[in-house]
């Protein structure tokens, strides 16, 4: 490694959302996204496999405040999930079939499309096709 250069990272491994009811939120992500629980932390939360090497952590709000490395979050947080452009219509139909209101649809200048909706805790979720960012 050269001096002044950071070590290499392989990207984001896990992201966390803080929820009122872990069971309700886990069921939402299992049903809507097909994610599976890979670790259960009991009352404190759970980990869901959200991609090939990606983990979505669902923590009970304030449930991790008194552990060795305390953390918590509040408010309407945001996560985007990558989808193929060919899946966009299927996703829109799936959301409608499950009674999930779409809040916004955007077409970006590089041609990518985003659809925004909420989870049970009002976190803003996005499904995004290639062309949203220069890196995707």
Protein backbone atom coordinates (compact mmCIF):
# COMPACT_ATOMS: atom_id res chain seq x y z
CA UNK A 1 0.00 0.00 0.00
CA UNK A 2 1.29 3.44 -0.87
CA UNK A 3 1.52 6.07 1.85
CA UNK A 4 -1.48 8.39 1.91
CA UNK A 5 -3.78 5.89 0.15
CA UNK A 6 -6.63 4.18 1.95
CA UNK A 7 -6.80 0.39 2.06
CA UNK A 8 -9.21 -1.26 -0.40
CA UNK A 9 -12.86 -1.81 0.55
CA UNK A 10 -15.16 -4.29 -1.16
CA UNK A 11 -18.21 -2.05 -0.66
CA UNK A 12 -21.12 -2.02 1.74
CA UNK A 13 -21.76 -5.37 3.42
CA UNK A 14 -24.65 -4.43 5.70
CA UNK A 15 -27.12 -1.63 6.25
CA UNK A 16 -29.43 -1.13 9.23
CA UNK A 17 -32.97 0.03 9.66
CA UNK A 18 -34.48 0.69 13.07
CA UNK A 19 -38.06 -0.51 13.42
CA UNK A 20 -40.95 -0.55 15.89
CA UNK A 21 -41.82 -4.23 15.42
CA UNK A 22 -39.05 -6.53 14.20
CA UNK A 23 -41.44 -9.39 13.37
CA UNK A 24 -43.74 -7.19 11.24
CA UNK A 25 -40.79 -5.62 9.43
CA UNK A 26 -39.06 -8.96 8.82
CA UNK A 27 -42.29 -10.37 7.38
CA UNK A 28 -42.59 -7.33 5.08
CA UNK A 29 -39.07 -7.73 3.68
CA UNK A 30 -39.49 -11.50 3.37
CA UNK A 31 -42.78 -11.17 1.48
CA UNK A 32 -42.08 -8.12 -0.68
CA UNK A 33 -38.40 -8.72 -1.49
CA UNK A 34 -38.06 -12.46 -0.88
CA UNK A 35 -35.24 -11.88 1.63
CA UNK A 36 -34.52 -14.65 4.13
CA UNK A 37 -33.58 -14.37 7.79
CA UNK A 38 -29.97 -15.49 8.23
CA UNK A 39 -29.61 -14.57 11.90
CA UNK A 40 -32.12 -13.86 14.66
CA UNK A 41 -31.08 -11.59 17.55
CA UNK A 42 -34.26 -12.23 19.53
CA UNK A 43 -36.04 -9.11 20.75
CA UNK A 44 -33.19 -6.92 19.47
CA UNK A 45 -33.57 -7.70 15.78
CA UNK A 46 -32.55 -9.90 12.87
CA UNK A 47 -30.37 -10.06 9.78
CA UNK A 48 -31.79 -10.67 6.32
CA UNK A 49 -29.88 -11.76 3.25
CA UNK A 50 -30.61 -8.89 0.85
CA UNK A 51 -28.40 -9.91 -2.07
CA UNK A 52 -25.48 -12.14 -2.90
CA UNK A 53 -23.16 -10.52 -0.34
CA UNK A 54 -25.52 -8.01 1.26
CA UNK A 55 -27.21 -7.99 4.63
CA UNK A 56 -30.13 -5.86 5.79
CA UNK A 57 -30.20 -5.57 9.58
CA UNK A 58 -33.52 -4.82 11.27
CA UNK A 59 -33.07 -3.58 14.82
CA UNK A 60 -35.78 -2.79 17.35
CA UNK A 61 -35.69 0.98 17.93
CA UNK A 62 -33.54 1.67 21.02
CA UNK A 63 -32.85 -2.07 21.37
CA UNK A 64 -29.12 -1.68 20.74
CA UNK A 65 -28.49 1.34 22.95
CA UNK A 66 -27.03 -0.61 25.87
CA UNK A 67 -24.67 -3.03 24.15
CA UNK A 68 -20.87 -2.81 23.93
CA UNK A 69 -21.07 -0.79 20.69
CA UNK A 70 -24.35 1.14 21.03
CA UNK A 71 -26.21 2.31 17.95
CA UNK A 72 -29.69 3.44 17.02
CA UNK A 73 -31.50 5.45 14.39
CA UNK A 74 -34.72 7.32 13.98
CA UNK A 75 -36.70 9.07 11.32
CA UNK A 76 -37.71 8.02 7.84
CA UNK A 77 -34.49 6.50 6.52
CA UNK A 78 -33.83 5.54 2.88
CA UNK A 79 -32.49 2.44 1.12
CA UNK A 80 -32.48 1.69 -2.62
CA UNK A 81 -32.53 -1.81 -4.08
CA UNK A 82 -31.09 -2.59 -7.51
CA UNK A 83 -33.36 -4.26 -10.05
CA UNK A 84 -33.02 -5.03 -13.73
CA UNK A 85 -34.94 -2.71 -16.09
CA UNK A 86 -36.81 -5.76 -17.41
CA UNK A 87 -38.24 -6.32 -13.88
CA UNK A 88 -39.67 -2.81 -13.39
CA UNK A 89 -43.21 -3.59 -14.63
CA UNK A 90 -43.26 -6.79 -12.56
CA UNK A 91 -42.26 -4.80 -9.48
CA UNK A 92 -44.93 -2.17 -10.05
CA UNK A 93 -47.59 -4.90 -10.42
CA UNK A 94 -46.25 -6.70 -7.30
CA UNK A 95 -46.43 -3.54 -5.20
CA UNK A 96 -50.00 -2.88 -6.37
CA UNK A 97 -51.00 -6.51 -5.74
CA UNK A 98 -49.71 -6.17 -2.17
CA UNK A 99 -51.48 -2.86 -1.53
CA UNK A 100 -48.26 -0.85 -1.32
CA UNK A 101 -48.71 2.74 -2.49
CA UNK A 102 -46.10 4.14 -4.85
CA UNK A 103 -45.14 7.66 -3.72
CA UNK A 104 -43.05 8.69 -6.70
CA UNK A 105 -41.63 7.48 -10.01
CA UNK A 106 -38.55 9.15 -11.48
CA UNK A 107 -36.67 8.78 -14.75
CA UNK A 108 -33.06 9.96 -14.37
CA UNK A 109 -31.03 11.73 -17.06
CA UNK A 110 -28.87 8.62 -17.69
CA UNK A 111 -32.05 6.61 -18.34
CA UNK A 112 -32.44 4.80 -15.02
CA UNK A 113 -35.83 4.63 -13.36
CA UNK A 114 -36.74 4.68 -9.68
CA UNK A 115 -39.95 3.79 -7.87
CA UNK A 116 -40.38 4.95 -4.27
CA UNK A 117 -42.61 3.43 -1.57
CA UNK A 118 -42.68 2.93 2.23
CA UNK A 119 -42.16 0.02 4.58
CA UNK A 120 -44.25 -0.46 7.77
CA UNK A 121 -42.03 2.07 9.63
CA UNK A 122 -42.26 4.65 6.84
CA UNK A 123 -38.67 4.14 5.72
CA UNK A 124 -38.45 5.30 2.11
CA UNK A 125 -37.62 2.35 -0.12
CA UNK A 126 -36.55 2.63 -3.73
CA UNK A 127 -36.23 0.10 -6.50
CA UNK A 128 -33.81 1.39 -9.12
CA UNK A 129 -32.82 0.24 -12.60
CA UNK A 130 -29.38 0.70 -14.17
CA UNK A 131 -28.74 4.29 -15.22
CA UNK A 132 -29.60 5.89 -11.88
CA UNK A 133 -25.95 6.60 -11.01
CA UNK A 134 -22.76 6.72 -13.05
CA UNK A 135 -21.69 3.55 -11.18
CA UNK A 136 -25.00 1.77 -11.77
